PDB file of N, CA and C in Angstrom:
ATOM      1  N   MET A   1      34.455  26.858  33.923  1.00  0.00           N
ATOM      2  CA  MET A   1      34.213  25.582  33.261  1.00  0.00           C
ATOM      3  C   MET A   1      34.390  24.420  34.225  1.00  0.00           C
ATOM      4  N   SER A   2      35.320  24.500  35.178  1.00  0.00           N
ATOM      5  CA  SER A   2      35.519  23.383  36.103  1.00  0.00           C
ATOM      6  C   SER A   2      34.303  23.194  37.008  1.00  0.00           C
ATOM      7  N   ARG A   3      33.637  24.311  37.404  1.00  0.00           N
ATOM      8  CA  ARG A   3      32.410  24.195  38.194  1.00  0.00           C
ATOM      9  C   ARG A   3      31.346  23.497  37.364  1.00  0.00           C
ATOM     10  N   GLN A   4      31.250  23.859  36.100  1.00  0.00           N
ATOM     11  CA  GLN A   4      30.266  23.230  35.225  1.00  0.00           C
ATOM     12  C   GLN A   4      30.532  21.739  35.073  1.00  0.00           C
ATOM     13  N   LEU A   5      31.778  21.390  34.885  1.00  0.00           N
ATOM     14  CA  LEU A   5      32.116  19.980  34.718  1.00  0.00           C
ATOM     15  C   LEU A   5      31.797  19.186  35.978  1.00  0.00           C
ATOM     16  N   LEU A   6      32.115  19.753  37.133  1.00  0.00           N
ATOM     17  CA  LEU A   6      31.807  19.094  38.402  1.00  0.00           C
ATOM     18  C   LEU A   6      30.295  18.958  38.590  1.00  0.00           C
ATOM     19  N   THR A   7      29.568  20.027  38.345  1.00  0.00           N
ATOM     20  CA  THR A   7      28.110  19.980  38.464  1.00  0.00           C
ATOM     21  C   THR A   7      27.517  19.012  37.461  1.00  0.00           C
ATOM     22  N   PHE A   8      28.051  19.019  36.244  1.00  0.00           N
ATOM     23  CA  PHE A   8      27.606  18.080  35.220  1.00  0.00           C
ATOM     24  C   PHE A   8      27.796  16.646  35.704  1.00  0.00           C
ATOM     25  N   ALA A   9      28.928  16.392  36.339  1.00  0.00           N
ATOM     26  CA  ALA A   9      29.200  15.048  36.858  1.00  0.00           C
ATOM     27  C   ALA A   9      28.213  14.669  37.954  1.00  0.00           C
ATOM     28  N   VAL A  10      27.933  15.601  38.863  1.00  0.00           N
ATOM     29  CA  VAL A  10      26.971  15.323  39.942  1.00  0.00           C
ATOM     30  C   VAL A  10      25.579  15.079  39.361  1.00  0.00           C
ATOM     31  N   VAL A  11      25.159  15.937  38.440  1.00  0.00           N
ATOM     32  CA  VAL A  11      23.867  15.737  37.778  1.00  0.00           C
ATOM     33  C   VAL A  11      23.872  14.387  37.056  1.00  0.00           C
ATOM     34  N   GLY A  12      24.977  14.054  36.461  1.00  0.00           N
ATOM     35  CA  GLY A  12      25.092  12.764  35.776  1.00  0.00           C
ATOM     36  C   GLY A  12      24.930  11.587  36.713  1.00  0.00           C
ATOM     37  N   VAL A  13      25.492  11.690  37.905  1.00  0.00           N
ATOM     38  CA  VAL A  13      25.345  10.617  38.900  1.00  0.00           C
ATOM     39  C   VAL A  13      23.880  10.481  39.305  1.00  0.00           C
ATOM     40  N   VAL A  14      23.237  11.616  39.582  1.00  0.00           N
ATOM     41  CA  VAL A  14      21.815  11.597  39.943  1.00  0.00           C
ATOM     42  C   VAL A  14      20.994  11.023  38.793  1.00  0.00           C
ATOM     43  N   ASN A  15      21.267  11.502  37.595  1.00  0.00           N
ATOM     44  CA  ASN A  15      20.530  11.031  36.425  1.00  0.00           C
ATOM     45  C   ASN A  15      20.768   9.546  36.174  1.00  0.00           C
ATOM     46  N   THR A  16      21.993   9.091  36.378  1.00  0.00           N
ATOM     47  CA  THR A  16      22.299   7.674  36.198  1.00  0.00           C
ATOM     48  C   THR A  16      21.551   6.826  37.221  1.00  0.00           C
ATOM     49  N   ALA A  17      21.446   7.315  38.444  1.00  0.00           N
ATOM     50  CA  ALA A  17      20.692   6.591  39.479  1.00  0.00           C
ATOM     51  C   ALA A  17      19.212   6.496  39.096  1.00  0.00           C
ATOM     52  N   VAL A  18      18.661   7.603  38.607  1.00  0.00           N
ATOM     53  CA  VAL A  18      17.260   7.595  38.160  1.00  0.00           C
ATOM     54  C   VAL A  18      17.108   6.626  36.999  1.00  0.00           C
ATOM     55  N   TYR A  19      18.005   6.731  36.024  1.00  0.00           N
ATOM     56  CA  TYR A  19      17.974   5.821  34.869  1.00  0.00           C
ATOM     57  C   TYR A  19      18.036   4.369  35.324  1.00  0.00           C
ATOM     58  N   TYR A  20      18.968   4.061  36.190  1.00  0.00           N
ATOM     59  CA  TYR A  20      19.183   2.677  36.601  1.00  0.00           C
ATOM     60  C   TYR A  20      17.977   2.124  37.363  1.00  0.00           C
ATOM     61  N   CYS A  21      17.384   2.939  38.224  1.00  0.00           N
ATOM     62  CA  CYS A  21      16.168   2.512  38.939  1.00  0.00           C
ATOM     63  C   CYS A  21      15.033   2.238  37.953  1.00  0.00           C
ATOM     64  N   LEU A  22      14.868   3.139  36.993  1.00  0.00           N
ATOM     65  CA  LEU A  22      13.853   2.925  35.964  1.00  0.00           C
ATOM     66  C   LEU A  22      14.167   1.681  35.141  1.00  0.00           C
ATOM     67  N   TYR A  23      15.428   1.497  34.778  1.00  0.00           N
ATOM     68  CA  TYR A  23      15.849   0.321  34.008  1.00  0.00           C
ATOM     69  C   TYR A  23      15.492  -0.955  34.753  1.00  0.00           C
ATOM     70  N   LEU A  24      15.817  -1.027  36.029  1.00  0.00           N
ATOM     71  CA  LEU A  24      15.502  -2.221  36.816  1.00  0.00           C
ATOM     72  C   LEU A  24      13.990  -2.428  36.927  1.00  0.00           C
ATOM     73  N   LEU A  25      13.255  -1.341  37.093  1.00  0.00           N
ATOM     74  CA  LEU A  25      11.807  -1.426  37.161  1.00  0.00           C
ATOM     75  C   LEU A  25      11.233  -1.985  35.860  1.00  0.00           C
ATOM     76  N   PHE A  26      11.673  -1.424  34.738  1.00  0.00           N
ATOM     77  CA  PHE A  26      11.170  -1.873  33.440  1.00  0.00           C
ATOM     78  C   PHE A  26      11.689  -3.258  33.071  1.00  0.00           C
ATOM     79  N   LEU A  27      12.865  -3.615  33.544  1.00  0.00           N
ATOM     80  CA  LEU A  27      13.464  -4.917  33.251  1.00  0.00           C
ATOM     81  C   LEU A  27      12.604  -6.054  33.800  1.00  0.00           C
ATOM     82  N   ALA A  28      11.824  -5.761  34.822  1.00  0.00           N
ATOM     83  CA  ALA A  28      10.951  -6.780  35.401  1.00  0.00           C
ATOM     84  C   ALA A  28       9.881  -7.238  34.404  1.00  0.00           C
ATOM     85  N   GLY A  29       9.531  -6.399  33.437  1.00  0.00           N
ATOM     86  CA  GLY A  29       8.476  -6.775  32.498  1.00  0.00           C
ATOM     87  C   GLY A  29       8.811  -6.617  31.034  1.00  0.00           C
ATOM     88  N   LEU A  30      10.007  -6.119  30.740  1.00  0.00           N
ATOM     89  CA  LEU A  30      10.385  -5.869  29.350  1.00  0.00           C
ATOM     90  C   LEU A  30      11.733  -6.506  29.043  1.00  0.00           C
ATOM     91  N   PRO A  31      12.019  -6.780  27.765  1.00  0.00           N
ATOM     92  CA  PRO A  31      13.378  -7.214  27.393  1.00  0.00           C
ATOM     93  C   PRO A  31      14.383  -6.101  27.738  1.00  0.00           C
ATOM     94  N   TYR A  32      15.638  -6.476  27.957  1.00  0.00           N
ATOM     95  CA  TYR A  32      16.622  -5.509  28.446  1.00  0.00           C
ATOM     96  C   TYR A  32      16.802  -4.302  27.537  1.00  0.00           C
ATOM     97  N   LEU A  33      16.768  -4.486  26.217  1.00  0.00           N
ATOM     98  CA  LEU A  33      16.947  -3.328  25.330  1.00  0.00           C
ATOM     99  C   LEU A  33      15.745  -2.381  25.396  1.00  0.00           C
ATOM    100  N   ALA A  34      14.546  -2.918  25.487  1.00  0.00           N
ATOM    101  CA  ALA A  34      13.355  -2.062  25.630  1.00  0.00           C
ATOM    102  C   ALA A  34      13.401  -1.320  26.962  1.00  0.00           C
ATOM    103  N   ALA A  35      13.796  -2.008  28.019  1.00  0.00           N
ATOM    104  CA  ALA A  35      13.939  -1.375  29.334  1.00  0.00           C
ATOM    105  C   ALA A  35      14.974  -0.259  29.273  1.00  0.00           C
ATOM    106  N   HIS A  36      16.073  -0.516  28.594  1.00  0.00           N
ATOM    107  CA  HIS A  36      17.144   0.480  28.439  1.00  0.00           C
ATOM    108  C   HIS A  36      16.634   1.713  27.699  1.00  0.00           C
ATOM    109  N   VAL A  37      15.969   1.522  26.574  1.00  0.00           N
ATOM    110  CA  VAL A  37      15.501   2.646  25.753  1.00  0.00           C
ATOM    111  C   VAL A  37      14.485   3.487  26.522  1.00  0.00           C
ATOM    112  N   LEU A  38      13.514   2.855  27.156  1.00  0.00           N
ATOM    113  CA  LEU A  38      12.487   3.588  27.885  1.00  0.00           C
ATOM    114  C   LEU A  38      13.081   4.352  29.073  1.00  0.00           C
ATOM    115  N   ALA A  39      13.934   3.697  29.829  1.00  0.00           N
ATOM    116  CA  ALA A  39      14.584   4.361  30.971  1.00  0.00           C
ATOM    117  C   ALA A  39      15.462   5.510  30.493  1.00  0.00           C
ATOM    118  N   PHE A  40      16.150   5.323  29.392  1.00  0.00           N
ATOM    119  CA  PHE A  40      17.023   6.354  28.838  1.00  0.00           C
ATOM    120  C   PHE A  40      16.217   7.587  28.446  1.00  0.00           C
ATOM    121  N   LEU A  41      15.109   7.378  27.734  1.00  0.00           N
ATOM    122  CA  LEU A  41      14.296   8.514  27.283  1.00  0.00           C
ATOM    123  C   LEU A  41      13.718   9.293  28.462  1.00  0.00           C
ATOM    124  N   LEU A  42      13.202   8.607  29.455  1.00  0.00           N
ATOM    125  CA  LEU A  42      12.631   9.287  30.613  1.00  0.00           C
ATOM    126  C   LEU A  42      13.692  10.030  31.421  1.00  0.00           C
ATOM    127  N   SER A  43      14.843   9.407  31.596  1.00  0.00           N
ATOM    128  CA  SER A  43      15.893  10.075  32.364  1.00  0.00           C
ATOM    129  C   SER A  43      16.484  11.254  31.602  1.00  0.00           C
ATOM    130  N   MET A  44      16.406  11.234  30.274  1.00  0.00           N
ATOM    131  CA  MET A  44      16.916  12.341  29.481  1.00  0.00           C
ATOM    132  C   MET A  44      16.104  13.612  29.729  1.00  0.00           C
ATOM    133  N   VAL A  45      14.809  13.480  29.929  1.00  0.00           N
ATOM    134  CA  VAL A  45      13.970  14.644  30.238  1.00  0.00           C
ATOM    135  C   VAL A  45      14.415  15.255  31.570  1.00  0.00           C
ATOM    136  N   GLY A  46      14.614  14.403  32.558  1.00  0.00           N
ATOM    137  CA  GLY A  46      15.100  14.886  33.850  1.00  0.00           C
ATOM    138  C   GLY A  46      16.465  15.527  33.739  1.00  0.00           C
ATOM    139  N   SER A  47      17.327  14.931  32.948  1.00  0.00           N
ATOM    140  CA  SER A  47      18.670  15.453  32.750  1.00  0.00           C
ATOM    141  C   SER A  47      18.638  16.863  32.157  1.00  0.00           C
ATOM    142  N   PHE A  48      17.749  17.079  31.213  1.00  0.00           N
ATOM    143  CA  PHE A  48      17.635  18.404  30.602  1.00  0.00           C
ATOM    144  C   PHE A  48      17.357  19.465  31.662  1.00  0.00           C
ATOM    145  N   PHE A  49      16.347  19.223  32.478  1.00  0.00           N
ATOM    146  CA  PHE A  49      15.962  20.228  33.472  1.00  0.00           C
ATOM    147  C   PHE A  49      17.015  20.390  34.566  1.00  0.00           C
ATOM    148  N   LEU A  50      17.628  19.312  35.002  1.00  0.00           N
ATOM    149  CA  LEU A  50      18.682  19.416  36.012  1.00  0.00           C
ATOM    150  C   LEU A  50      19.889  20.177  35.469  1.00  0.00           C
ATOM    151  N   ASN A  51      20.284  19.879  34.241  1.00  0.00           N
ATOM    152  CA  ASN A  51      21.428  20.575  33.648  1.00  0.00           C
ATOM    153  C   ASN A  51      21.126  22.040  33.368  1.00  0.00           C
ATOM    154  N   ALA A  52      19.918  22.328  32.910  1.00  0.00           N
ATOM    155  CA  ALA A  52      19.553  23.728  32.669  1.00  0.00           C
ATOM    156  C   ALA A  52      19.634  24.520  33.970  1.00  0.00           C
ATOM    157  N   ARG A  53      19.104  23.968  35.026  1.00  0.00           N
ATOM    158  CA  ARG A  53      19.028  24.680  36.311  1.00  0.00           C
ATOM    159  C   ARG A  53      20.365  24.745  37.038  1.00  0.00           C
ATOM    160  N   PHE A  54      21.027  23.611  37.171  1.00  0.00           N
ATOM    161  CA  PHE A  54      22.202  23.542  38.045  1.00  0.00           C
ATOM    162  C   PHE A  54      23.544  23.628  37.312  1.00  0.00           C
ATOM    163  N   THR A  55      23.666  22.982  36.172  1.00  0.00           N
ATOM    164  CA  THR A  55      24.959  22.965  35.480  1.00  0.00           C
ATOM    165  C   THR A  55      25.207  24.258  34.713  1.00  0.00           C
ATOM    166  N   TYR A  56      24.242  24.645  33.890  1.00  0.00           N
ATOM    167  CA  TYR A  56      24.455  25.782  33.002  1.00  0.00           C
ATOM    168  C   TYR A  56      23.749  27.049  33.469  1.00  0.00           C
ATOM    169  N   ARG A  57      22.908  26.927  34.485  1.00  0.00           N
ATOM    170  CA  ARG A  57      22.171  28.075  35.034  1.00  0.00           C
ATOM    171  C   ARG A  57      21.549  28.916  33.935  1.00  0.00           C
ATOM    172  N   THR A  58      20.812  28.230  33.120  1.00  0.00           N
ATOM    173  CA  THR A  58      20.153  28.872  31.994  1.00  0.00           C
ATOM    174  C   THR A  58      18.667  28.525  32.026  1.00  0.00           C
ATOM    175  N   ARG A  59      17.896  29.386  31.427  1.00  0.00           N
ATOM    176  CA  ARG A  59      16.459  29.169  31.374  1.00  0.00           C
ATOM    177  C   ARG A  59      16.151  28.063  30.372  1.00  0.00           C
ATOM    178  N   PRO A  60      15.381  27.049  30.791  1.00  0.00           N
ATOM    179  CA  PRO A  60      15.000  26.023  29.818  1.00  0.00           C
ATOM    180  C   PRO A  60      14.004  26.610  28.808  1.00  0.00           C
ATOM    181  N   THR A  61      14.248  26.356  27.564  1.00  0.00           N
ATOM    182  CA  THR A  61      13.352  26.820  26.503  1.00  0.00           C
ATOM    183  C   THR A  61      12.938  25.621  25.663  1.00  0.00           C
ATOM    184  N   TRP A  62      11.893  25.804  24.895  1.00  0.00           N
ATOM    185  CA  TRP A  62      11.467  24.723  24.006  1.00  0.00           C
ATOM    186  C   TRP A  62      12.549  24.400  22.983  1.00  0.00           C
ATOM    187  N   ARG A  63      13.229  25.423  22.504  1.00  0.00           N
ATOM    188  CA  ARG A  63      14.296  25.194  21.519  1.00  0.00           C
ATOM    189  C   ARG A  63      15.392  24.312  22.098  1.00  0.00           C
ATOM    190  N   LYS A  64      15.858  24.660  23.304  1.00  0.00           N
ATOM    191  CA  LYS A  64      16.893  23.851  23.958  1.00  0.00           C
ATOM    192  C   LYS A  64      16.379  22.451  24.265  1.00  0.00           C
ATOM    193  N   PHE A  65      15.121  22.373  24.725  1.00  0.00           N
ATOM    194  CA  PHE A  65      14.541  21.078  25.038  1.00  0.00           C
ATOM    195  C   PHE A  65      14.490  20.178  23.804  1.00  0.00           C
ATOM    196  N   LEU A  66      14.127  20.771  22.667  1.00  0.00           N
ATOM    197  CA  LEU A  66      14.050  20.000  21.432  1.00  0.00           C
ATOM    198  C   LEU A  66      15.427  19.638  20.883  1.00  0.00           C
ATOM    199  N   LEU A  67      16.429  20.484  21.147  1.00  0.00           N
ATOM    200  CA  LEU A  67      17.789  20.180  20.699  1.00  0.00           C
ATOM    201  C   LEU A  67      18.529  19.245  21.657  1.00  0.00           C
ATOM    202  N   PHE A  68      18.142  19.249  22.922  1.00  0.00           N
ATOM    203  CA  PHE A  68      18.854  18.464  23.927  1.00  0.00           C
ATOM    204  C   PHE A  68      18.972  16.980  23.587  1.00  0.00           C
ATOM    205  N   PRO A  69      17.934  16.349  23.053  1.00  0.00           N
ATOM    206  CA  PRO A  69      18.101  14.941  22.684  1.00  0.00           C
ATOM    207  C   PRO A  69      19.215  14.703  21.671  1.00  0.00           C
ATOM    208  N   LEU A  70      19.476  15.697  20.837  1.00  0.00           N
ATOM    209  CA  LEU A  70      20.575  15.544  19.877  1.00  0.00           C
ATOM    210  C   LEU A  70      21.915  15.412  20.600  1.00  0.00           C
ATOM    211  N   THR A  71      22.013  16.049  21.775  1.00  0.00           N
ATOM    212  CA  THR A  71      23.258  15.956  22.530  1.00  0.00           C
ATOM    213  C   THR A  71      23.468  14.556  23.079  1.00  0.00           C
ATOM    214  N   ASN A  72      22.394  13.805  23.155  1.00  0.00           N
ATOM    215  CA  ASN A  72      22.474  12.468  23.721  1.00  0.00           C
ATOM    216  C   ASN A  72      22.538  11.363  22.676  1.00  0.00           C
ATOM    217  N   VAL A  73      22.534  11.726  21.406  1.00  0.00           N
ATOM    218  CA  VAL A  73      22.597  10.699  20.365  1.00  0.00           C
ATOM    219  C   VAL A  73      23.877   9.876  20.506  1.00  0.00           C
ATOM    220  N   THR A  74      24.989  10.536  20.679  1.00  0.00           N
ATOM    221  CA  THR A  74      26.246   9.807  20.854  1.00  0.00           C
ATOM    222  C   THR A  74      26.198   8.975  22.129  1.00  0.00           C
ATOM    223  N   ASN A  75      25.703   9.575  23.208  1.00  0.00           N
ATOM    224  CA  ASN A  75      25.565   8.848  24.465  1.00  0.00           C
ATOM    225  C   ASN A  75      24.694   7.613  24.258  1.00  0.00           C
ATOM    226  N   PHE A  76      23.562   7.792  23.606  1.00  0.00           N
ATOM    227  CA  PHE A  76      22.641   6.686  23.372  1.00  0.00           C
ATOM    228  C   PHE A  76      23.302   5.573  22.554  1.00  0.00           C
ATOM    229  N   LEU A  77      23.979   5.951  21.490  1.00  0.00           N
ATOM    230  CA  LEU A  77      24.626   4.949  20.638  1.00  0.00           C
ATOM    231  C   LEU A  77      25.728   4.202  21.388  1.00  0.00           C
ATOM    232  N   ILE A  78      26.541   4.943  22.133  1.00  0.00           N
ATOM    233  CA  ILE A  78      27.621   4.304  22.887  1.00  0.00           C
ATOM    234  C   ILE A  78      27.066   3.384  23.965  1.00  0.00           C
ATOM    235  N   THR A  79      26.088   3.857  24.729  1.00  0.00           N
ATOM    236  CA  THR A  79      25.558   3.019  25.809  1.00  0.00           C
ATOM    237  C   THR A  79      24.781   1.824  25.275  1.00  0.00           C
ATOM    238  N   THR A  80      24.017   2.025  24.209  1.00  0.00           N
ATOM    239  CA  THR A  80      23.255   0.910  23.643  1.00  0.00           C
ATOM    240  C   THR A  80      24.190  -0.149  23.075  1.00  0.00           C
ATOM    241  N   ALA A  81      25.197   0.293  22.328  1.00  0.00           N
ATOM    242  CA  ALA A  81      26.174  -0.667  21.809  1.00  0.00           C
ATOM    243  C   ALA A  81      26.915  -1.352  22.957  1.00  0.00           C
ATOM    244  N   GLY A  82      27.253  -0.572  23.980  1.00  0.00           N
ATOM    245  CA  GLY A  82      27.946  -1.146  25.125  1.00  0.00           C
ATOM    246  C   GLY A  82      27.115  -2.173  25.861  1.00  0.00           C
ATOM    247  N   VAL A  83      25.835  -1.866  26.076  1.00  0.00           N
ATOM    248  CA  VAL A  83      24.938  -2.825  26.738  1.00  0.00           C
ATOM    249  C   VAL A  83      24.845  -4.106  25.906  1.00  0.00           C
ATOM    250  N   TYR A  84      24.693  -3.953  24.611  1.00  0.00           N
ATOM    251  CA  TYR A  84      24.613  -5.121  23.732  1.00  0.00           C
ATOM    252  C   TYR A  84      25.888  -5.972  23.817  1.00  0.00           C
ATOM    253  N   VAL A  85      27.033  -5.319  23.714  1.00  0.00           N
ATOM    254  CA  VAL A  85      28.306  -6.052  23.759  1.00  0.00           C
ATOM    255  C   VAL A  85      28.480  -6.759  25.106  1.00  0.00           C
ATOM    256  N   ILE A  86      28.204  -6.042  26.174  1.00  0.00           N
ATOM    257  CA  ILE A  86      28.372  -6.627  27.505  1.00  0.00           C
ATOM    258  C   ILE A  86      27.437  -7.819  27.710  1.00  0.00           C
ATOM    259  N   VAL A  87      26.180  -7.689  27.281  1.00  0.00           N
ATOM    260  CA  VAL A  87      25.200  -8.753  27.523  1.00  0.00           C
ATOM    261  C   VAL A  87      25.317  -9.885  26.507  1.00  0.00           C
ATOM    262  N   ASP A  88      25.291  -9.547  25.204  1.00  0.00           N
ATOM    263  CA  ASP A  88      25.222 -10.592  24.183  1.00  0.00           C
ATOM    264  C   ASP A  88      26.573 -11.118  23.710  1.00  0.00           C
ATOM    265  N   VAL A  89      27.597 -10.307  23.781  1.00  0.00           N
ATOM    266  CA  VAL A  89      28.912 -10.752  23.310  1.00  0.00           C
ATOM    267  C   VAL A  89      29.749 -11.298  24.466  1.00  0.00           C
ATOM    268  N   LEU A  90      29.810 -10.527  25.552  1.00  0.00           N
ATOM    269  CA  LEU A  90      30.627 -10.944  26.695  1.00  0.00           C
ATOM    270  C   LEU A  90      29.868 -11.822  27.696  1.00  0.00           C
ATOM    271  N   HIS A  91      28.550 -11.890  27.545  1.00  0.00           N
ATOM    272  CA  HIS A  91      27.691 -12.687  28.434  1.00  0.00           C
ATOM    273  C   HIS A  91      27.910 -12.346  29.902  1.00  0.00           C
ATOM    274  N   ALA A  92      28.027 -11.046  30.172  1.00  0.00           N
ATOM    275  CA  ALA A  92      28.305 -10.595  31.534  1.00  0.00           C
ATOM    276  C   ALA A  92      27.035 -10.280  32.325  1.00  0.00           C
ATOM    277  N   GLY A  93      25.871 -10.396  31.721  1.00  0.00           N
ATOM    278  CA  GLY A  93      24.624 -10.136  32.441  1.00  0.00           C
ATOM    279  C   GLY A  93      24.103  -8.739  32.187  1.00  0.00           C
ATOM    280  N   SER A  94      22.797  -8.599  32.287  1.00  0.00           N
ATOM    281  CA  SER A  94      22.150  -7.338  31.943  1.00  0.00           C
ATOM    282  C   SER A  94      21.998  -6.390  33.118  1.00  0.00           C
ATOM    283  N   ARG A  95      22.212  -6.836  34.318  1.00  0.00           N
ATOM    284  CA  ARG A  95      21.939  -6.023  35.497  1.00  0.00           C
ATOM    285  C   ARG A  95      22.845  -4.794  35.613  1.00  0.00           C
ATOM    286  N   PHE A  96      24.138  -4.939  35.414  1.00  0.00           N
ATOM    287  CA  PHE A  96      25.075  -3.824  35.574  1.00  0.00           C
ATOM    288  C   PHE A  96      25.615  -3.294  34.251  1.00  0.00           C
ATOM    289  N   ALA A  97      25.191  -3.885  33.148  1.00  0.00           N
ATOM    290  CA  ALA A  97      25.692  -3.493  31.823  1.00  0.00           C
ATOM    291  C   ALA A  97      25.521  -2.003  31.530  1.00  0.00           C
ATOM    292  N   PRO A  98      24.370  -1.392  31.818  1.00  0.00           N
ATOM    293  CA  PRO A  98      24.213   0.030  31.487  1.00  0.00           C
ATOM    294  C   PRO A  98      25.156   0.941  32.263  1.00  0.00           C
ATOM    295  N   LEU A  99      25.461   0.579  33.497  1.00  0.00           N
ATOM    296  CA  LEU A  99      26.370   1.406  34.291  1.00  0.00           C
ATOM    297  C   LEU A  99      27.770   1.404  33.687  1.00  0.00           C
ATOM    298  N   LEU A 100      28.218   0.255  33.264  1.00  0.00           N
ATOM    299  CA  LEU A 100      29.540   0.155  32.642  1.00  0.00           C
ATOM    300  C   LEU A 100      29.574   0.868  31.293  1.00  0.00           C
ATOM    301  N   ALA A 101      28.526   0.665  30.516  1.00  0.00           N
ATOM    302  CA  ALA A 101      28.503   1.233  29.162  1.00  0.00           C
ATOM    303  C   ALA A 101      28.388   2.757  29.163  1.00  0.00           C
ATOM    304  N   SER A 102      27.741   3.316  30.158  1.00  0.00           N
ATOM    305  CA  SER A 102      27.522   4.766  30.157  1.00  0.00           C
ATOM    306  C   SER A 102      28.776   5.569  30.457  1.00  0.00           C
ATOM    307  N   ALA A 103      29.741   4.992  31.129  1.00  0.00           N
ATOM    308  CA  ALA A 103      30.949   5.723  31.510  1.00  0.00           C
ATOM    309  C   ALA A 103      31.712   6.278  30.303  1.00  0.00           C
ATOM    310  N   ALA A 104      31.737   5.552  29.225  1.00  0.00           N
ATOM    311  CA  ALA A 104      32.497   5.979  28.046  1.00  0.00           C
ATOM    312  C   ALA A 104      31.882   7.189  27.348  1.00  0.00           C
ATOM    313  N   ALA A 105      30.596   7.435  27.545  1.00  0.00           N
ATOM    314  CA  ALA A 105      29.914   8.506  26.825  1.00  0.00           C
ATOM    315  C   ALA A 105      29.912   9.844  27.554  1.00  0.00           C
ATOM    316  N   VAL A 106      30.274   9.893  28.805  1.00  0.00           N
ATOM    317  CA  VAL A 106      30.147  11.114  29.618  1.00  0.00           C
ATOM    318  C   VAL A 106      30.906  12.314  29.048  1.00  0.00           C
ATOM    319  N   PRO A 107      32.183  12.214  28.705  1.00  0.00           N
ATOM    320  CA  PRO A 107      32.895  13.416  28.210  1.00  0.00           C
ATOM    321  C   PRO A 107      32.303  13.993  26.927  1.00  0.00           C
ATOM    322  N   VAL A 108      31.901  13.139  26.028  1.00  0.00           N
ATOM    323  CA  VAL A 108      31.325  13.612  24.764  1.00  0.00           C
ATOM    324  C   VAL A 108      29.997  14.305  25.023  1.00  0.00           C
ATOM    325  N   THR A 109      29.188  13.736  25.888  1.00  0.00           N
ATOM    326  CA  THR A 109      27.885  14.325  26.205  1.00  0.00           C
ATOM    327  C   THR A 109      28.047  15.701  26.830  1.00  0.00           C
ATOM    328  N   PHE A 110      29.032  15.887  27.690  1.00  0.00           N
ATOM    329  CA  PHE A 110      29.270  17.201  28.304  1.00  0.00           C
ATOM    330  C   PHE A 110      29.577  18.249  27.249  1.00  0.00           C
ATOM    331  N   VAL A 111      30.481  17.964  26.361  1.00  0.00           N
ATOM    332  CA  VAL A 111      30.886  18.931  25.338  1.00  0.00           C
ATOM    333  C   VAL A 111      29.703  19.312  24.452  1.00  0.00           C
ATOM    334  N   VAL A 112      28.954  18.330  24.022  1.00  0.00           N
ATOM    335  CA  VAL A 112      27.842  18.607  23.115  1.00  0.00           C
ATOM    336  C   VAL A 112      26.702  19.319  23.856  1.00  0.00           C
ATOM    337  N   SER A 113      26.396  18.901  25.073  1.00  0.00           N
ATOM    338  CA  SER A 113      25.297  19.543  25.805  1.00  0.00           C
ATOM    339  C   SER A 113      25.630  20.995  26.138  1.00  0.00           C
ATOM    340  N   ARG A 114      26.878  21.272  26.395  1.00  0.00           N
ATOM    341  CA  ARG A 114      27.305  22.650  26.679  1.00  0.00           C
ATOM    342  C   ARG A 114      27.056  23.560  25.477  1.00  0.00           C
ATOM    343  N   ARG A 115      27.287  23.020  24.302  1.00  0.00           N
ATOM    344  CA  ARG A 115      27.057  23.810  23.097  1.00  0.00           C
ATOM    345  C   ARG A 115      25.571  24.097  22.864  1.00  0.00           C
ATOM    346  N   VAL A 116      24.719  23.151  23.238  1.00  0.00           N
ATOM    347  CA  VAL A 116      23.281  23.349  23.066  1.00  0.00           C
ATOM    348  C   VAL A 116      22.716  24.280  24.125  1.00  0.00           C
ATOM    349  N   MET A 117      23.183  24.142  25.364  1.00  0.00           N
ATOM    350  CA  MET A 117      22.571  24.845  26.483  1.00  0.00           C
ATOM    351  C   MET A 117      23.047  26.284  26.656  1.00  0.00           C
ATOM    352  N   LEU A 118      24.237  26.586  26.175  1.00  0.00           N
ATOM    353  CA  LEU A 118      24.784  27.931  26.378  1.00  0.00           C
ATOM    354  C   LEU A 118      24.875  28.688  25.061  1.00  0.00           C
ATOM    355  N   PRO A 119      24.681  29.983  25.117  1.00  0.00           N
ATOM    356  CA  PRO A 119      24.862  30.799  23.906  1.00  0.00           C
ATOM    357  C   PRO A 119      26.300  30.678  23.395  1.00  0.00           C
ATOM    358  N   GLU A 120      26.466  30.917  22.143  1.00  0.00           N
ATOM    359  CA  GLU A 120      27.784  30.808  21.491  1.00  0.00           C
ATOM    360  C   GLU A 120      28.851  31.593  22.210  1.00  0.00           C
ATOM    361  N   SER A 121      28.532  32.752  22.760  1.00  0.00           N
ATOM    362  CA  SER A 121      29.559  33.606  23.376  1.00  0.00           C
ATOM    363  C   SER A 121      30.099  33.038  24.681  1.00  0.00           C
ATOM    364  N   THR A 122      29.320  32.178  25.381  1.00  0.00           N
ATOM    365  CA  THR A 122      29.800  31.638  26.656  1.00  0.00           C
ATOM    366  C   THR A 122      30.217  30.188  26.546  1.00  0.00           C
ATOM    367  N   ALA A 123      29.956  29.537  25.446  1.00  0.00           N
ATOM    368  CA  ALA A 123      30.283  28.105  25.300  1.00  0.00           C
ATOM    369  C   ALA A 123      31.680  27.946  24.897  1.00  0.00           C
TER     370      ALA A 123
END
């Protein structure tokens, strides 16, 4: 499990970098929440394949792919609420808000994604 957690963290860093680059790209032409949602959805697809291959060493299937977004519902809600609070409530700016907001969701996402990606006997 410690190897999985470490790999999950590394995949998370890579995925966060991809997300953030996409967010900045989309932020140039979209409102911050639209940029956040679009970047989040695209990076989630990448996250699925990276986690299947490297974290859980399992074959990606359509079933897992379709269930994987459910593992990110909590992540999405926490990061979206966090981005909103940081930008609109704290007036701290939209540029780094997603990076700060995403940190709180990582442990929950790991636990839930592990349950989706691995069979019951190994989870």
